[in-house]
Amino acid sequence: MKSLAQLKKELLADGVIDASEVKELEVALYADGKIDTEEAEFLLI
């Protein structure tokens, strides 16, 4: 699985987050069934 830093870099590379990237983000963030502090901060930045 990608790190949050790598995922962020890829998501922001073209300046647009499309539907497939939203799905990838959802899968990564909910992989363990919850959003932890690091993941919540990722969403806010």
PDB file of N, CA and C in Angstrom:
ATOM      1  N   MET A   1       0.841  -1.178   0.000  1.00  0.00           N
ATOM      2  CA  MET A   1       0.000   0.000   0.000  1.00  0.00           C
ATOM      3  C   MET A   1       0.889   1.245   0.000  1.00  0.00           C
ATOM      4  N   LYS A   2       0.436   2.274  -0.671  1.00  0.00           N
ATOM      5  CA  LYS A   2       1.181   3.524  -0.756  1.00  0.00           C
ATOM      6  C   LYS A   2       1.127   4.277   0.568  1.00  0.00           C
ATOM      7  N   SER A   3       2.175   5.035   0.831  1.00  0.00           N
ATOM      8  CA  SER A   3       2.154   5.904   2.006  1.00  0.00           C
ATOM      9  C   SER A   3       1.234   7.083   1.710  1.00  0.00           C
ATOM     10  N   LEU A   4       0.796   7.742   2.760  1.00  0.00           N
ATOM     11  CA  LEU A   4      -0.065   8.919   2.563  1.00  0.00           C
ATOM     12  C   LEU A   4       0.669  10.005   1.791  1.00  0.00           C
ATOM     13  N   ALA A   5       1.968  10.156   2.043  1.00  0.00           N
ATOM     14  CA  ALA A   5       2.756  11.172   1.331  1.00  0.00           C
ATOM     15  C   ALA A   5       2.790  10.872  -0.170  1.00  0.00           C
ATOM     16  N   GLN A   6       3.000   9.607  -0.528  1.00  0.00           N
ATOM     17  CA  GLN A   6       3.033   9.225  -1.938  1.00  0.00           C
ATOM     18  C   GLN A   6       1.651   9.396  -2.574  1.00  0.00           C
ATOM     19  N   LEU A   7       0.636   8.994  -1.860  1.00  0.00           N
ATOM     20  CA  LEU A   7      -0.725   9.145  -2.364  1.00  0.00           C
ATOM     21  C   LEU A   7      -1.051  10.620  -2.604  1.00  0.00           C
ATOM     22  N   LYS A   8      -0.699  11.466  -1.664  1.00  0.00           N
ATOM     23  CA  LYS A   8      -0.946  12.906  -1.801  1.00  0.00           C
ATOM     24  C   LYS A   8      -0.228  13.463  -3.023  1.00  0.00           C
ATOM     25  N   LYS A   9       1.031  13.068  -3.203  1.00  0.00           N
ATOM     26  CA  LYS A   9       1.817  13.536  -4.346  1.00  0.00           C
ATOM     27  C   LYS A   9       1.135  13.165  -5.656  1.00  0.00           C
ATOM     28  N   GLU A  10       0.670  11.911  -5.750  1.00  0.00           N
ATOM     29  CA  GLU A  10       0.008  11.453  -6.966  1.00  0.00           C
ATOM     30  C   GLU A  10      -1.348  12.129  -7.179  1.00  0.00           C
ATOM     31  N   LEU A  11      -2.107  12.310  -6.103  1.00  0.00           N
ATOM     32  CA  LEU A  11      -3.426  12.932  -6.224  1.00  0.00           C
ATOM     33  C   LEU A  11      -3.334  14.376  -6.694  1.00  0.00           C
ATOM     34  N   LEU A  12      -2.322  15.081  -6.237  1.00  0.00           N
ATOM     35  CA  LEU A  12      -2.206  16.505  -6.549  1.00  0.00           C
ATOM     36  C   LEU A  12      -1.360  16.793  -7.786  1.00  0.00           C
ATOM     37  N   ALA A  13      -0.806  15.774  -8.406  1.00  0.00           N
ATOM     38  CA  ALA A  13       0.111  15.954  -9.536  1.00  0.00           C
ATOM     39  C   ALA A  13      -0.497  16.756 -10.682  1.00  0.00           C
ATOM     40  N   ASP A  14      -1.749  16.491 -11.019  1.00  0.00           N
ATOM     41  CA  ASP A  14      -2.356  17.189 -12.150  1.00  0.00           C
ATOM     42  C   ASP A  14      -3.341  18.276 -11.723  1.00  0.00           C
ATOM     43  N   GLY A  15      -3.484  18.475 -10.415  1.00  0.00           N
ATOM     44  CA  GLY A  15      -4.352  19.536  -9.914  1.00  0.00           C
ATOM     45  C   GLY A  15      -5.829  19.188  -9.887  1.00  0.00           C
ATOM     46  N   VAL A  16      -6.179  17.956 -10.277  1.00  0.00           N
ATOM     47  CA  VAL A  16      -7.569  17.514 -10.311  1.00  0.00           C
ATOM     48  C   VAL A  16      -7.648  16.129  -9.674  1.00  0.00           C
ATOM     49  N   ILE A  17      -8.614  15.943  -8.797  1.00  0.00           N
ATOM     50  CA  ILE A  17      -8.837  14.625  -8.217  1.00  0.00           C
ATOM     51  C   ILE A  17     -10.084  14.047  -8.884  1.00  0.00           C
ATOM     52  N   ASP A  18      -9.866  13.017  -9.711  1.00  0.00           N
ATOM     53  CA  ASP A  18     -10.988  12.428 -10.450  1.00  0.00           C
ATOM     54  C   ASP A  18     -11.615  11.275  -9.658  1.00  0.00           C
ATOM     55  N   ALA A  19     -12.651  10.685 -10.216  1.00  0.00           N
ATOM     56  CA  ALA A  19     -13.418   9.655  -9.509  1.00  0.00           C
ATOM     57  C   ALA A  19     -12.577   8.446  -9.134  1.00  0.00           C
ATOM     58  N   SER A  20     -11.678   8.027 -10.011  1.00  0.00           N
ATOM     59  CA  SER A  20     -10.844   6.866  -9.685  1.00  0.00           C
ATOM     60  C   SER A  20      -9.875   7.180  -8.548  1.00  0.00           C
ATOM     61  N   GLU A  21      -9.404   8.422  -8.485  1.00  0.00           N
ATOM     62  CA  GLU A  21      -8.518   8.830  -7.392  1.00  0.00           C
ATOM     63  C   GLU A  21      -9.286   8.930  -6.073  1.00  0.00           C
ATOM     64  N   VAL A  22     -10.531   9.352  -6.131  1.00  0.00           N
ATOM     65  CA  VAL A  22     -11.370   9.394  -4.933  1.00  0.00           C
ATOM     66  C   VAL A  22     -11.551   7.983  -4.392  1.00  0.00           C
ATOM     67  N   LYS A  23     -11.783   7.023  -5.273  1.00  0.00           N
ATOM     68  CA  LYS A  23     -11.941   5.628  -4.859  1.00  0.00           C
ATOM     69  C   LYS A  23     -10.645   5.104  -4.231  1.00  0.00           C
ATOM     70  N   GLU A  24      -9.500   5.422  -4.836  1.00  0.00           N
ATOM     71  CA  GLU A  24      -8.207   5.006  -4.288  1.00  0.00           C
ATOM     72  C   GLU A  24      -7.989   5.605  -2.900  1.00  0.00           C
ATOM     73  N   LEU A  25      -8.363   6.861  -2.742  1.00  0.00           N
ATOM     74  CA  LEU A  25      -8.265   7.538  -1.455  1.00  0.00           C
ATOM     75  C   LEU A  25      -9.167   6.873  -0.424  1.00  0.00           C
ATOM     76  N   GLU A  26     -10.388   6.564  -0.811  1.00  0.00           N
ATOM     77  CA  GLU A  26     -11.326   5.902   0.090  1.00  0.00           C
ATOM     78  C   GLU A  26     -10.788   4.549   0.555  1.00  0.00           C
ATOM     79  N   VAL A  27     -10.275   3.771  -0.373  1.00  0.00           N
ATOM     80  CA  VAL A  27      -9.730   2.453  -0.037  1.00  0.00           C
ATOM     81  C   VAL A  27      -8.551   2.596   0.920  1.00  0.00           C
ATOM     82  N   ALA A  28      -7.660   3.540   0.651  1.00  0.00           N
ATOM     83  CA  ALA A  28      -6.482   3.729   1.495  1.00  0.00           C
ATOM     84  C   ALA A  28      -6.866   4.184   2.901  1.00  0.00           C
ATOM     85  N   LEU A  29      -7.789   5.124   2.995  1.00  0.00           N
ATOM     86  CA  LEU A  29      -8.138   5.689   4.302  1.00  0.00           C
ATOM     87  C   LEU A  29      -8.973   4.742   5.153  1.00  0.00           C
ATOM     88  N   TYR A  30      -9.811   3.937   4.524  1.00  0.00           N
ATOM     89  CA  TYR A  30     -10.684   3.039   5.276  1.00  0.00           C
ATOM     90  C   TYR A  30     -10.169   1.595   5.292  1.00  0.00           C
ATOM     91  N   ALA A  31      -8.903   1.386   4.961  1.00  0.00           N
ATOM     92  CA  ALA A  31      -8.339   0.035   4.898  1.00  0.00           C
ATOM     93  C   ALA A  31      -8.499  -0.720   6.208  1.00  0.00           C
ATOM     94  N   ASP A  32      -8.385  -0.016   7.310  1.00  0.00           N
ATOM     95  CA  ASP A  32      -8.511  -0.669   8.621  1.00  0.00           C
ATOM     96  C   ASP A  32      -9.870  -0.407   9.271  1.00  0.00           C
ATOM     97  N   GLY A  33     -10.788   0.184   8.523  1.00  0.00           N
ATOM     98  CA  GLY A  33     -12.135   0.405   9.024  1.00  0.00           C
ATOM     99  C   GLY A  33     -12.318   1.659   9.849  1.00  0.00           C
ATOM    100  N   LYS A  34     -11.296   2.473   9.955  1.00  0.00           N
ATOM    101  CA  LYS A  34     -11.406   3.719  10.721  1.00  0.00           C
ATOM    102  C   LYS A  34     -10.412   4.743  10.188  1.00  0.00           C
ATOM    103  N   ILE A  35     -10.660   5.985  10.521  1.00  0.00           N
ATOM    104  CA  ILE A  35      -9.759   7.079  10.160  1.00  0.00           C
ATOM    105  C   ILE A  35      -8.998   7.467  11.425  1.00  0.00           C
ATOM    106  N   ASP A  36      -7.673   7.323  11.395  1.00  0.00           N
ATOM    107  CA  ASP A  36      -6.886   7.704  12.564  1.00  0.00           C
ATOM    108  C   ASP A  36      -6.444   9.165  12.451  1.00  0.00           C
ATOM    109  N   THR A  37      -5.729   9.634  13.429  1.00  0.00           N
ATOM    110  CA  THR A  37      -5.330  11.045  13.480  1.00  0.00           C
ATOM    111  C   THR A  37      -4.501  11.443  12.269  1.00  0.00           C
ATOM    112  N   GLU A  38      -3.542  10.615  11.888  1.00  0.00           N
ATOM    113  CA  GLU A  38      -2.690  10.924  10.734  1.00  0.00           C
ATOM    114  C   GLU A  38      -3.524  11.037   9.460  1.00  0.00           C
ATOM    115  N   GLU A  39      -4.479  10.145   9.294  1.00  0.00           N
ATOM    116  CA  GLU A  39      -5.332  10.173   8.103  1.00  0.00           C
ATOM    117  C   GLU A  39      -6.271  11.380   8.116  1.00  0.00           C
ATOM    118  N   ALA A  40      -6.780  11.746   9.267  1.00  0.00           N
ATOM    119  CA  ALA A  40      -7.638  12.929   9.373  1.00  0.00           C
ATOM    120  C   ALA A  40      -6.855  14.190   9.037  1.00  0.00           C
ATOM    121  N   GLU A  41      -5.634  14.277   9.528  1.00  0.00           N
ATOM    122  CA  GLU A  41      -4.798  15.437   9.219  1.00  0.00           C
ATOM    123  C   GLU A  41      -4.489  15.477   7.721  1.00  0.00           C
ATOM    124  N   PHE A  42      -4.277  14.325   7.118  1.00  0.00           N
ATOM    125  CA  PHE A  42      -4.049  14.244   5.679  1.00  0.00           C
ATOM    126  C   PHE A  42      -5.211  14.877   4.913  1.00  0.00           C
ATOM    127  N   LEU A  43      -6.432  14.615   5.353  1.00  0.00           N
ATOM    128  CA  LEU A  43      -7.604  15.150   4.676  1.00  0.00           C
ATOM    129  C   LEU A  43      -7.733  16.665   4.817  1.00  0.00           C
ATOM    130  N   LEU A  44      -7.217  17.197   5.894  1.00  0.00           N
ATOM    131  CA  LEU A  44      -7.334  18.635   6.145  1.00  0.00           C
ATOM    132  C   LEU A  44      -6.258  19.467   5.478  1.00  0.00           C
ATOM    133  N   ILE A  45      -5.194  18.868   5.091  1.00  0.00           N
ATOM    134  CA  ILE A  45      -4.070  19.625   4.508  1.00  0.00           C
ATOM    135  C   ILE A  45      -4.135  19.631   3.016  1.00  0.00           C
TER     136      ILE A  45
END
